[in-house]
Amino acid sequence: MSKVISNSRSTAIIGMDKNVGKTTVLNYILSKTKGSDVLGLTSIGRDGESVDRVTHTPKPKIYVKKDTILATAKICMFQSDITKEILESTGINTPMGNIVFIRSKSDGYIDLAGPSTTSQMKEIVSKLKEYKADQIYVDGAISRMTQCSPAIVDSAVLCTGAVLGNNIKTVVEKTAHVVKMLSLPRHELSDDLGKLELLPSHRAVIIANDQSKVFLEAQTSTEVAEKIDSFLDDKVETIYIKGVLSEDLSKKLLSKKHKNKAIDVVVEDGTKIFIGVDVYNQMKRHSINIYVQYHINLKELYYNPTSPTGASLDDEDLRKALQESTGLNAINVFGRDSYV
């Protein structure tokens, strides 16, 4: 197992799309964990199926060793090919049944389906720690990167691949943007923002250059974008977004921002940023600087140079381009150096 992963107690394995090799990475990590370590495992969404439900292509199943602690939906528990001990049933419901904690009493293949919200996942990971799991892994779902939030796990690895595009340039550009969003620096007011007494309805805090504050109430990011208009004057210095920074909100800030006036936008962490490369670059050009309150510890980058559609990118060229654009160690999910 990679030393940078083993140094963290809890790690999220997140995929940028289907067929990027995320389950292969997870199986490798599970197989290389020290025999004395107790593993904890759960998933946002579902994983472990033998056939992809969208592409109908074969998928690798998740293989666990005896004494692994699992948090999975009840139906998935019965579909798992292991002898099991039921530890407890939670009050967290999913389309596949209640989430239950089980201990594997034999090696075998499993089917995983975990909770779908950040608060539920935080509760599950905390419970896995109570069950004395030495290493905890959260298996991600498509376009669901909230599981790598620092509120849930200590670190994360990202999986990418040729399925994102039929050329290296496209794959690298998309991957580098996601890495950049997940790795944004903390703002100097991050600690102070954490001390604010916010109501659940407070979705934004607008801070002026005299440090006066306006607390904006809204239900959705769309409503924030609609309401923020009247507060965007030349005194605004920092905007703290409690929730999602969407493209609609970002474009609103671009349209209303005063010329030659820099504004800092602070989000909780990089998983809450849903803007594309073009919008992000526009914001940079107009001196709208994006920061985070909590930093994500993104450890490594895994890539699959092939896709089910037949695309096959040059392994060495892709690896070098990914490492140069992200600054992360890039590892082929099928490479001999990592998967012997």
Protein backbone atom coordinates (compact mmCIF):
# COMPACT_ATOMS: atom_id res chain seq x y z
CA MET A 1 0.00 0.00 0.00
CA SER A 2 1.15 3.57 -0.61
CA LYS A 3 2.76 5.04 2.49
CA VAL A 4 0.94 8.34 2.03
CA ILE A 5 -2.39 6.53 2.28
CA SER A 6 -1.42 4.30 5.20
CA ASN A 7 -0.45 7.37 7.21
CA SER A 8 -4.10 8.46 7.30
CA ARG A 9 -6.70 6.70 9.41
CA SER A 10 -9.58 7.51 7.07
CA THR A 11 -9.34 7.92 3.29
CA ALA A 12 -11.90 8.60 0.59
CA ILE A 13 -11.38 7.05 -2.84
CA ILE A 14 -13.17 9.25 -5.33
CA GLY A 15 -13.71 8.73 -9.04
CA MET A 16 -14.20 11.45 -11.63
CA ASP A 17 -16.39 9.12 -13.68
CA LYS A 18 -17.26 5.47 -14.16
CA ASN A 19 -14.53 3.13 -15.44
CA VAL A 20 -11.58 5.10 -14.09
CA GLY A 21 -10.41 2.13 -12.01
CA LYS A 22 -11.67 3.21 -8.59
CA THR A 23 -12.72 -0.27 -7.48
CA THR A 24 -9.39 -1.69 -8.72
CA VAL A 25 -7.59 0.89 -6.57
CA LEU A 26 -9.74 0.02 -3.57
CA ASN A 27 -9.11 -3.72 -3.99
CA TYR A 28 -5.38 -3.14 -4.21
CA ILE A 29 -5.37 -1.05 -1.04
CA LEU A 30 -7.47 -3.63 0.81
CA SER A 31 -5.19 -6.48 -0.31
CA LYS A 32 -2.02 -4.72 0.83
CA THR A 33 -3.19 -3.64 4.27
CA LYS A 34 -1.25 -5.16 7.14
CA GLY A 35 -2.87 -8.34 8.44
CA SER A 36 -3.01 -6.97 11.98
CA ASP A 37 -5.01 -3.91 10.96
CA VAL A 38 -8.79 -3.90 11.26
CA LEU A 39 -10.34 -2.33 8.15
CA GLY A 40 -13.54 -0.29 8.04
CA LEU A 41 -15.34 0.14 4.73
CA THR A 42 -18.39 1.98 3.46
CA SER A 43 -19.59 3.75 0.32
CA ILE A 44 -21.48 6.81 -0.85
CA GLY A 45 -23.98 5.35 -3.25
CA ARG A 46 -23.60 1.74 -4.38
CA ASP A 47 -20.58 -0.29 -5.44
CA GLY A 48 -19.62 -3.94 -5.74
CA GLU A 49 -21.99 -4.92 -8.58
CA SER A 50 -20.59 -7.39 -11.12
CA VAL A 51 -22.02 -5.45 -14.11
CA ASP A 52 -22.17 -1.70 -14.55
CA ARG A 53 -25.80 -0.61 -14.56
CA VAL A 54 -25.16 2.21 -17.07
CA THR A 55 -22.58 0.84 -19.52
CA HIS A 56 -23.45 -2.86 -18.95
CA THR A 57 -19.72 -3.67 -18.89
CA PRO A 58 -18.17 -6.10 -16.35
CA LYS A 59 -17.00 -4.52 -13.10
CA PRO A 60 -14.44 -5.79 -10.59
CA LYS A 61 -16.10 -6.77 -7.32
CA ILE A 62 -14.84 -5.64 -3.94
CA TYR A 63 -12.93 -8.35 -2.06
CA VAL A 64 -12.46 -8.10 1.71
CA LYS A 65 -10.59 -10.14 4.27
CA LYS A 66 -11.89 -11.69 7.47
CA ASP A 67 -12.65 -9.23 10.31
CA THR A 68 -13.31 -6.24 8.02
CA ILE A 69 -16.01 -3.95 9.47
CA LEU A 70 -18.59 -2.95 6.85
CA ALA A 71 -21.36 -0.35 6.83
CA THR A 72 -23.73 -1.28 4.03
CA ALA A 73 -27.43 -1.46 3.15
CA LYS A 74 -29.41 -4.48 4.30
CA ILE A 75 -30.09 -5.84 0.80
CA CYS A 76 -26.38 -5.55 -0.05
CA MET A 77 -25.51 -7.40 3.13
CA PHE A 78 -27.53 -10.41 1.97
CA GLN A 79 -25.98 -10.22 -1.50
CA SER A 80 -22.42 -10.28 -0.11
CA ASP A 81 -20.55 -13.58 -0.43
CA ILE A 82 -19.11 -13.67 3.11
CA THR A 83 -19.92 -15.22 6.46
CA LYS A 84 -21.01 -12.28 8.56
CA GLU A 85 -21.72 -11.11 12.10
CA ILE A 86 -24.35 -8.37 12.41
CA LEU A 87 -23.09 -5.75 14.85
CA GLU A 88 -25.95 -3.26 14.76
CA SER A 89 -28.64 -1.73 12.61
CA THR A 90 -28.76 2.05 12.22
CA GLY A 91 -31.67 4.39 11.63
CA ILE A 92 -30.21 5.47 8.30
CA ASN A 93 -32.45 4.37 5.43
CA THR A 94 -31.50 3.96 1.76
CA PRO A 95 -33.38 2.65 -1.29
CA MET A 96 -31.67 -0.70 -0.56
CA GLY A 97 -32.67 -0.82 3.07
CA ASN A 98 -31.39 0.25 6.44
CA ILE A 99 -27.62 0.71 6.87
CA VAL A 100 -26.19 -2.06 9.04
CA PHE A 101 -22.76 -2.63 10.55
CA ILE A 102 -21.37 -6.12 10.01
CA ARG A 103 -18.09 -7.89 10.63
CA SER A 104 -16.86 -10.29 7.94
CA LYS A 105 -16.11 -13.69 9.46
CA SER A 106 -14.52 -14.94 6.22
CA ASP A 107 -12.79 -13.60 3.12
CA GLY A 108 -15.09 -12.89 0.18
CA TYR A 109 -16.81 -10.53 -2.23
CA ILE A 110 -19.16 -7.85 -0.97
CA ASP A 111 -21.81 -5.47 -2.24
CA LEU A 112 -21.73 -1.96 -0.77
CA ALA A 113 -24.38 0.74 -0.54
CA GLY A 114 -23.91 3.45 2.03
CA PRO A 115 -25.55 6.71 3.06
CA SER A 116 -26.08 9.55 0.62
CA THR A 117 -25.58 12.68 2.75
CA THR A 118 -22.53 14.25 4.34
CA SER A 119 -24.03 14.23 7.83
CA GLN A 120 -24.93 10.53 7.58
CA MET A 121 -21.48 9.63 6.25
CA LYS A 122 -19.85 11.56 9.08
CA GLU A 123 -21.91 9.50 11.53
CA ILE A 124 -20.94 6.22 9.79
CA VAL A 125 -17.20 6.99 9.78
CA SER A 126 -17.36 7.98 13.45
CA LYS A 127 -19.05 4.67 14.25
CA LEU A 128 -16.42 2.70 12.32
CA LYS A 129 -13.82 4.33 14.57
CA GLU A 130 -15.81 3.21 17.61
CA TYR A 131 -15.56 -0.34 16.27
CA LYS A 132 -11.76 0.08 16.43
CA ALA A 133 -11.14 0.17 12.68
CA ASP A 134 -7.46 1.05 12.16
CA GLN A 135 -7.94 2.06 8.54
CA ILE A 136 -11.24 3.35 7.13
CA TYR A 137 -12.01 3.68 3.42
CA VAL A 138 -14.97 5.48 1.89
CA ASP A 139 -15.76 4.34 -1.64
CA GLY A 140 -17.08 7.16 -3.80
CA ALA A 141 -19.86 7.41 -6.35
CA ILE A 142 -20.08 9.26 -9.68
CA SER A 143 -19.97 13.04 -9.29
CA ARG A 144 -20.31 12.71 -5.52
CA MET A 145 -17.14 14.12 -4.03
CA THR A 146 -18.62 15.21 -0.71
CA GLN A 147 -17.20 12.06 0.89
CA CYS A 148 -13.69 13.55 0.72
CA SER A 149 -14.73 16.52 2.83
CA PRO A 150 -12.34 17.10 5.76
CA ALA A 151 -15.43 16.95 7.97
CA ILE A 152 -15.55 13.22 7.17
CA VAL A 153 -12.10 11.82 6.31
CA ASP A 154 -8.45 12.66 6.93
CA SER A 155 -7.36 12.31 3.30
CA ALA A 156 -8.47 11.44 -0.22
CA VAL A 157 -7.16 9.96 -3.46
CA LEU A 158 -8.60 10.80 -6.87
CA CYS A 159 -9.15 8.40 -9.78
CA THR A 160 -9.29 9.64 -13.37
CA GLY A 161 -8.85 8.17 -16.84
CA ALA A 162 -9.38 7.99 -20.57
CA VAL A 163 -13.14 7.79 -20.13
CA LEU A 164 -13.08 11.59 -19.60
CA GLY A 165 -11.93 12.19 -23.18
CA ASN A 166 -10.32 10.56 -26.18
CA ASN A 167 -7.09 12.56 -25.88
CA ILE A 168 -4.55 13.35 -23.18
CA LYS A 169 -5.17 17.12 -23.30
CA THR A 170 -8.87 16.77 -22.41
CA VAL A 171 -8.26 14.24 -19.63
CA VAL A 172 -5.51 16.36 -18.10
CA GLU A 173 -7.46 19.63 -18.27
CA LYS A 174 -10.55 18.13 -16.59
CA THR A 175 -8.49 16.35 -13.94
CA ALA A 176 -6.29 19.36 -13.17
CA HIS A 177 -9.36 21.54 -12.65
CA VAL A 178 -10.89 19.12 -10.14
CA VAL A 179 -7.57 18.79 -8.31
CA LYS A 180 -7.28 22.58 -8.17
CA MET A 181 -10.79 22.94 -6.70
CA LEU A 182 -10.12 20.24 -4.12
CA SER A 183 -6.76 21.77 -3.18
CA LEU A 184 -7.63 25.45 -2.79
CA PRO A 185 -5.90 27.27 0.10
CA ARG A 186 -7.57 28.26 3.35
CA HIS A 187 -8.66 31.85 3.82
CA GLU A 188 -7.09 34.00 6.53
CA LEU A 189 -10.53 34.38 8.16
CA SER A 190 -11.23 30.62 8.18
CA ASP A 191 -10.97 30.25 11.95
CA ASP A 192 -13.12 33.34 12.58
CA LEU A 193 -15.77 32.10 10.15
CA GLY A 194 -15.98 28.85 12.09
CA LYS A 195 -16.95 30.82 15.20
CA LEU A 196 -19.92 32.57 13.60
CA GLU A 197 -23.29 31.64 15.08
CA LEU A 198 -25.19 30.77 11.93
CA LEU A 199 -28.78 29.63 11.62
CA PRO A 200 -29.58 26.72 9.26
CA SER A 201 -31.20 29.27 6.93
CA HIS A 202 -28.05 31.39 6.66
CA ARG A 203 -26.53 30.52 3.28
CA ALA A 204 -24.09 33.42 2.92
CA VAL A 205 -22.29 36.00 5.03
CA ILE A 206 -21.24 39.21 3.29
CA ILE A 207 -18.36 40.98 5.02
CA ALA A 208 -17.55 44.64 4.28
CA ASN A 209 -14.16 46.33 4.52
CA ASP A 210 -15.13 47.70 7.95
CA GLN A 211 -15.80 44.06 9.04
CA SER A 212 -19.58 44.63 9.32
CA LYS A 213 -21.57 41.57 8.30
CA VAL A 214 -24.80 40.80 6.51
CA PHE A 215 -26.30 37.34 7.04
CA LEU A 216 -28.18 36.25 3.95
CA GLU A 217 -31.03 33.77 4.42
CA ALA A 218 -31.97 31.43 1.59
CA GLN A 219 -33.01 27.85 0.92
CA THR A 220 -30.88 27.08 -2.14
CA SER A 221 -27.80 28.35 -3.97
CA THR A 222 -30.13 29.62 -6.71
CA GLU A 223 -31.92 31.77 -4.16
CA VAL A 224 -28.58 33.06 -2.88
CA ALA A 225 -27.71 34.13 -6.43
CA GLU A 226 -31.05 35.93 -6.72
CA LYS A 227 -30.81 37.73 -3.37
CA ILE A 228 -27.14 38.69 -3.30
CA ASP A 229 -27.58 41.44 -5.90
CA SER A 230 -28.54 44.23 -3.54
CA PHE A 231 -25.57 43.62 -1.25
CA LEU A 232 -22.78 43.74 -3.84
CA ASP A 233 -21.32 47.22 -3.51
CA ASP A 234 -17.75 48.55 -3.51
CA LYS A 235 -17.45 47.93 0.24
CA VAL A 236 -17.75 44.15 -0.03
CA GLU A 237 -14.48 42.44 0.78
CA THR A 238 -15.33 38.79 1.57
CA ILE A 239 -18.31 36.53 0.86
CA TYR A 240 -18.65 33.33 2.87
CA ILE A 241 -20.85 30.75 1.12
CA LYS A 242 -22.44 28.16 3.38
CA GLY A 243 -23.30 25.49 0.84
CA VAL A 244 -22.64 25.25 -2.87
CA LEU A 245 -20.76 27.75 -5.02
CA SER A 246 -22.65 27.22 -8.29
CA GLU A 247 -22.05 28.58 -11.77
CA ASP A 248 -25.22 30.72 -11.47
CA LEU A 249 -23.94 32.35 -8.28
CA SER A 250 -20.45 32.76 -9.75
CA LYS A 251 -21.82 34.45 -12.87
CA LYS A 252 -23.91 36.76 -10.70
CA LEU A 253 -20.78 37.81 -8.84
CA LEU A 254 -19.01 38.40 -12.15
CA SER A 255 -21.84 40.58 -13.47
CA LYS A 256 -22.13 42.71 -10.32
CA LYS A 257 -18.53 42.99 -9.17
CA HIS A 258 -17.11 46.52 -9.07
CA LYS A 259 -14.11 47.10 -11.33
CA ASN A 260 -10.65 47.13 -9.77
CA LYS A 261 -12.07 45.76 -6.53
CA ALA A 262 -10.89 42.32 -5.42
CA ILE A 263 -13.37 40.04 -3.62
CA ASP A 264 -12.58 36.87 -1.69
CA VAL A 265 -15.17 34.11 -1.88
CA VAL A 266 -14.85 31.47 0.86
CA VAL A 267 -16.57 28.08 0.71
CA GLU A 268 -16.49 25.35 3.35
CA ASP A 269 -14.25 23.07 1.29
CA GLY A 270 -13.49 22.17 -2.32
CA THR A 271 -16.29 19.61 -2.56
CA LYS A 272 -18.81 22.48 -2.49
CA ILE A 273 -17.46 24.12 -5.67
CA PHE A 274 -19.45 23.34 -8.81
CA ILE A 275 -17.96 25.59 -11.47
CA GLY A 276 -16.21 24.73 -14.72
CA VAL A 277 -12.78 25.77 -15.98
CA ASP A 278 -14.08 28.72 -18.02
CA VAL A 279 -16.05 30.30 -15.16
CA TYR A 280 -13.17 29.77 -12.73
CA ASN A 281 -10.73 31.47 -15.09
CA GLN A 282 -13.14 34.39 -15.61
CA MET A 283 -13.34 34.84 -11.84
CA LYS A 284 -9.55 34.88 -11.57
CA ARG A 285 -9.28 37.50 -14.33
CA HIS A 286 -11.79 39.70 -12.51
CA SER A 287 -10.00 39.36 -9.15
CA ILE A 288 -12.63 37.13 -7.56
CA ASN A 289 -10.46 34.83 -5.47
CA ILE A 290 -11.82 31.51 -4.20
CA TYR A 291 -10.66 30.12 -0.87
CA VAL A 292 -11.81 27.38 1.48
CA GLN A 293 -12.54 27.25 5.18
CA TYR A 294 -11.25 23.68 5.51
CA HIS A 295 -8.44 22.20 3.41
CA ILE A 296 -8.75 18.76 1.77
CA ASN A 297 -5.74 16.51 2.13
CA LEU A 298 -5.55 15.13 -1.45
CA LYS A 299 -2.80 12.51 -1.39
CA GLU A 300 -2.45 10.79 -4.75
CA LEU A 301 -3.84 10.51 -8.25
CA TYR A 302 -4.66 7.18 -9.94
CA TYR A 303 -5.45 6.92 -13.63
CA ASN A 304 -6.79 4.39 -16.12
CA PRO A 305 -5.31 5.01 -19.62
CA THR A 306 -8.06 2.95 -21.31
CA SER A 307 -11.84 3.19 -21.56
CA PRO A 308 -14.67 0.72 -22.39
CA THR A 309 -15.24 2.54 -25.68
CA GLY A 310 -11.81 1.47 -26.92
CA ALA A 311 -9.79 4.62 -26.20
CA SER A 312 -6.19 3.90 -25.20
CA LEU A 313 -3.89 6.76 -24.25
CA ASP A 314 -0.12 6.54 -24.06
CA ASP A 315 0.63 5.55 -20.47
CA GLU A 316 3.89 7.43 -19.97
CA ASP A 317 2.72 10.62 -21.70
CA LEU A 318 -0.49 10.64 -19.65
CA ARG A 319 1.34 10.03 -16.39
CA LYS A 320 3.83 12.84 -16.99
CA ALA A 321 1.14 15.29 -18.07
CA LEU A 322 -1.02 14.53 -15.02
CA GLN A 323 1.90 14.90 -12.62
CA GLU A 324 3.03 18.17 -14.20
CA SER A 325 -0.47 19.68 -14.17
CA THR A 326 -1.49 18.58 -10.67
CA GLY A 327 1.73 18.23 -8.69
CA LEU A 328 0.48 14.86 -7.44
CA ASN A 329 2.08 11.45 -7.80
CA ALA A 330 0.17 9.81 -10.70
CA ILE A 331 -0.14 6.01 -10.67
CA ASN A 332 -1.54 3.73 -13.38
CA VAL A 333 -4.30 1.65 -11.75
CA PHE A 334 -3.05 -1.39 -13.68
CA GLY A 335 0.67 -0.58 -13.44
CA ARG A 336 3.05 -3.30 -12.28
CA ASP A 337 4.83 -0.97 -9.84
CA SER A 338 1.66 -0.51 -7.83
CA TYR A 339 -0.34 -3.66 -8.47
CA VAL A 340 1.95 -6.62 -8.19
